[in-house]
Protein backbone atom coordinates (compact mmCIF):
# COMPACT_ATOMS: atom_id res chain seq x y z
CA MET A 1 -19.42 50.77 -18.27
CA ARG A 2 -16.98 51.35 -16.32
CA PHE A 3 -13.91 49.43 -15.61
CA ASP A 4 -13.57 47.36 -12.50
CA PRO A 5 -10.61 45.53 -11.48
CA PHE A 6 -12.07 43.56 -8.46
CA SER A 7 -14.33 42.21 -10.27
CA GLU A 8 -11.91 40.78 -13.21
CA LEU A 9 -9.30 39.36 -10.52
CA SER A 10 -12.50 37.87 -8.77
CA ARG A 11 -13.36 36.30 -12.19
CA LEU A 12 -9.35 35.21 -12.60
CA GLN A 13 -10.19 33.60 -8.83
CA ASP A 14 -13.12 31.47 -10.08
CA ASP A 15 -12.03 30.28 -12.97
CA MET A 16 -8.54 28.78 -11.20
CA SER A 17 -10.74 27.56 -8.38
CA ARG A 18 -12.89 25.64 -11.46
CA ALA A 19 -9.29 23.81 -12.81
CA PHE A 20 -8.13 23.02 -9.15
CA THR A 21 -12.03 21.46 -8.18
CA ARG A 22 -10.90 19.26 -11.69
CA GLU A 23 -6.83 18.83 -11.08
CA ARG A 24 -7.83 17.68 -7.14
CA ALA A 25 -11.01 15.13 -9.65
CA GLN A 26 -8.52 14.24 -11.99
CA ARG A 27 -6.05 13.26 -8.75
CA SER A 28 -6.85 9.73 -5.79
CA PHE A 29 -5.21 8.94 -3.07
CA GLN A 30 -2.62 6.66 -3.57
CA PRO A 31 -0.72 5.63 -0.71
CA THR A 32 3.09 4.91 -0.37
CA VAL A 33 4.38 1.76 0.26
CA ASP A 34 7.46 0.36 1.85
CA ILE A 35 8.40 -3.47 1.40
CA PHE A 36 10.94 -4.51 3.50
CA GLU A 37 12.32 -8.63 3.79
CA GLU A 38 12.93 -9.64 7.25
CA LYS A 39 14.65 -13.50 7.55
CA ASP A 40 11.35 -14.53 7.99
CA ALA A 41 8.72 -12.59 6.20
CA ILE A 42 8.20 -9.41 4.24
CA VAL A 43 6.56 -6.86 4.89
CA VAL A 44 4.23 -5.01 3.52
CA SER A 45 4.22 -1.13 5.16
CA ALA A 46 1.75 1.62 3.38
CA GLU A 47 0.59 4.71 4.59
CA LEU A 48 -3.58 5.05 5.40
CA PRO A 49 -4.25 8.13 7.40
CA GLY A 50 -8.13 8.99 7.98
CA VAL A 51 -9.04 4.96 6.26
CA ARG A 52 -10.65 2.35 9.14
CA SER A 53 -9.61 -0.89 9.14
CA GLU A 54 -13.39 -1.02 7.84
CA ASP A 55 -12.60 0.27 4.96
CA VAL A 56 -9.18 -1.88 3.23
CA SER A 57 -9.50 -4.54 1.59
CA ILE A 58 -6.54 -6.92 1.23
CA THR A 59 -6.55 -10.20 -1.32
CA VAL A 60 -4.17 -12.56 -2.64
CA GLU A 61 -4.67 -14.38 -5.49
CA ASN A 62 -2.13 -15.80 -8.70
CA ASP A 63 0.74 -14.65 -6.49
CA LEU A 64 -0.49 -11.00 -6.38
CA LEU A 65 -1.06 -9.59 -3.23
CA THR A 66 -3.68 -6.12 -3.65
CA ILE A 67 -4.47 -3.39 -1.20
CA SER A 68 -7.46 -1.40 -1.91
CA GLY A 69 -10.19 0.36 -0.36
CA GLU A 70 -11.31 4.34 0.33
CA ARG A 71 -10.39 7.10 1.77
CA LYS A 72 -13.70 9.14 2.92
CA PHE A 73 -14.00 13.10 2.40
CA GLU A 74 -15.54 14.25 5.43
CA ARG A 75 -17.83 17.27 5.44
CA ARG A 76 -18.74 18.71 8.88
CA GLU A 77 -20.66 21.06 8.17
CA ASP A 78 -21.32 21.96 12.21
CA LYS A 79 -17.18 22.99 12.46
CA GLY A 80 -17.60 26.51 9.91
CA GLU A 81 -16.88 26.51 6.26
CA TRP A 82 -13.88 25.03 4.25
CA HIS A 83 -10.84 27.18 3.00
CA ARG A 84 -9.09 24.79 1.51
CA VAL A 85 -8.42 21.29 1.11
CA GLU A 86 -5.32 20.45 -0.07
CA SER A 87 -5.58 16.27 0.97
CA THR A 88 -6.55 13.53 -1.36
CA TYR A 89 -9.21 11.82 -1.22
CA GLY A 90 -11.32 7.96 -2.79
CA THR A 91 -10.42 4.58 -4.13
CA PHE A 92 -6.68 3.26 -4.45
CA THR A 93 -5.72 -0.25 -5.45
CA ARG A 94 -2.29 -1.62 -4.73
CA SER A 95 -0.84 -4.65 -6.27
CA PHE A 96 2.54 -6.59 -6.29
CA ALA A 97 3.29 -9.53 -7.05
CA LEU A 98 4.64 -11.94 -4.44
CA PRO A 99 7.66 -14.74 -4.85
CA LYS A 100 7.00 -18.01 -4.55
CA THR A 101 8.26 -18.32 -1.16
CA VAL A 102 5.41 -16.62 0.45
CA ALA A 103 3.24 -19.00 2.29
CA ALA A 104 -0.56 -17.34 1.79
CA ASP A 105 -2.58 -19.03 3.68
CA ALA A 106 -0.76 -17.45 7.03
CA ILE A 107 -0.51 -13.32 5.80
CA GLU A 108 -1.71 -11.06 8.30
CA ALA A 109 -2.53 -7.49 8.43
CA ASN A 110 -2.58 -4.67 10.90
CA LEU A 111 -4.01 -1.29 10.97
CA ASP A 112 -1.95 1.22 13.77
CA SER A 113 -1.85 4.38 13.92
CA GLY A 114 -3.13 4.92 10.06
CA VAL A 115 0.09 2.58 9.24
CA LEU A 116 -1.84 -0.65 7.50
CA THR A 117 1.42 -3.19 7.76
CA VAL A 118 1.12 -6.56 6.04
CA ARG A 119 3.17 -9.57 6.66
CA LEU A 120 3.62 -12.16 4.00
CA PRO A 121 5.33 -15.63 6.67
CA LYS A 122 7.74 -17.04 4.34
CA ARG A 123 6.96 -21.02 3.67
CA GLN A 124 9.17 -23.60 5.66
CA GLU A 125 11.10 -24.64 2.92
CA ALA A 126 11.98 -21.75 1.79
CA LYS A 127 13.59 -20.73 4.79
CA PRO A 128 17.70 -21.03 4.44
CA ARG A 129 18.76 -24.20 6.82
CA LYS A 130 22.70 -25.69 7.89
CA ILE A 131 22.49 -29.62 6.29
CA GLU A 132 24.40 -31.93 7.98
CA VAL A 133 27.34 -32.94 6.78
CA LYS A 134 27.80 -36.72 8.83
CA PRO A 135 31.11 -38.47 7.91
CA GLY A 136 31.12 -41.46 5.60
CA SER A 137 31.95 -45.13 5.84
CA GLY A 138 35.17 -44.13 4.32
CA SER A 139 34.20 -47.30 1.60
CA LYS A 140 31.51 -45.90 -0.47
CA GLN A 141 32.72 -43.15 -3.17
CA ILE A 142 30.87 -41.03 -5.28
CA GLY A 143 31.76 -42.58 -9.30
CA ALA A 144 33.55 -45.22 -7.83
CA LYS A 145 32.89 -48.92 -9.31
CA ALA A 146 31.56 -51.94 -6.90
């Protein structure tokens, strides 16, 4: 039997391809998230490229915001043969503890151009407010006995 270096190279490439496929299957899509605070709200921004709004679920329970969904791999058999797929796909879940200052019943979400924006308004009582100082009558002082 003659040694064929190309068949050995082909076998090595097949082994590496199988290992890469197993690694890719173990990794799932994990969207990146930015959280920032405005004067009257906390805003969560998640990058969800290729995810449709009907594939996203947002829940609030026990002061925990959960964003979950699925980034689906769409096979395009009619467009040719795939040579490489580096994007990650699959289901995802991200959860964040909410401060008591959030008005959970007024949360709004919008998915635009692959970016999910969740706006968490602050409760009215949590917003800073200025307290008016009224002039006193001068007759009563704190701690003075009547």
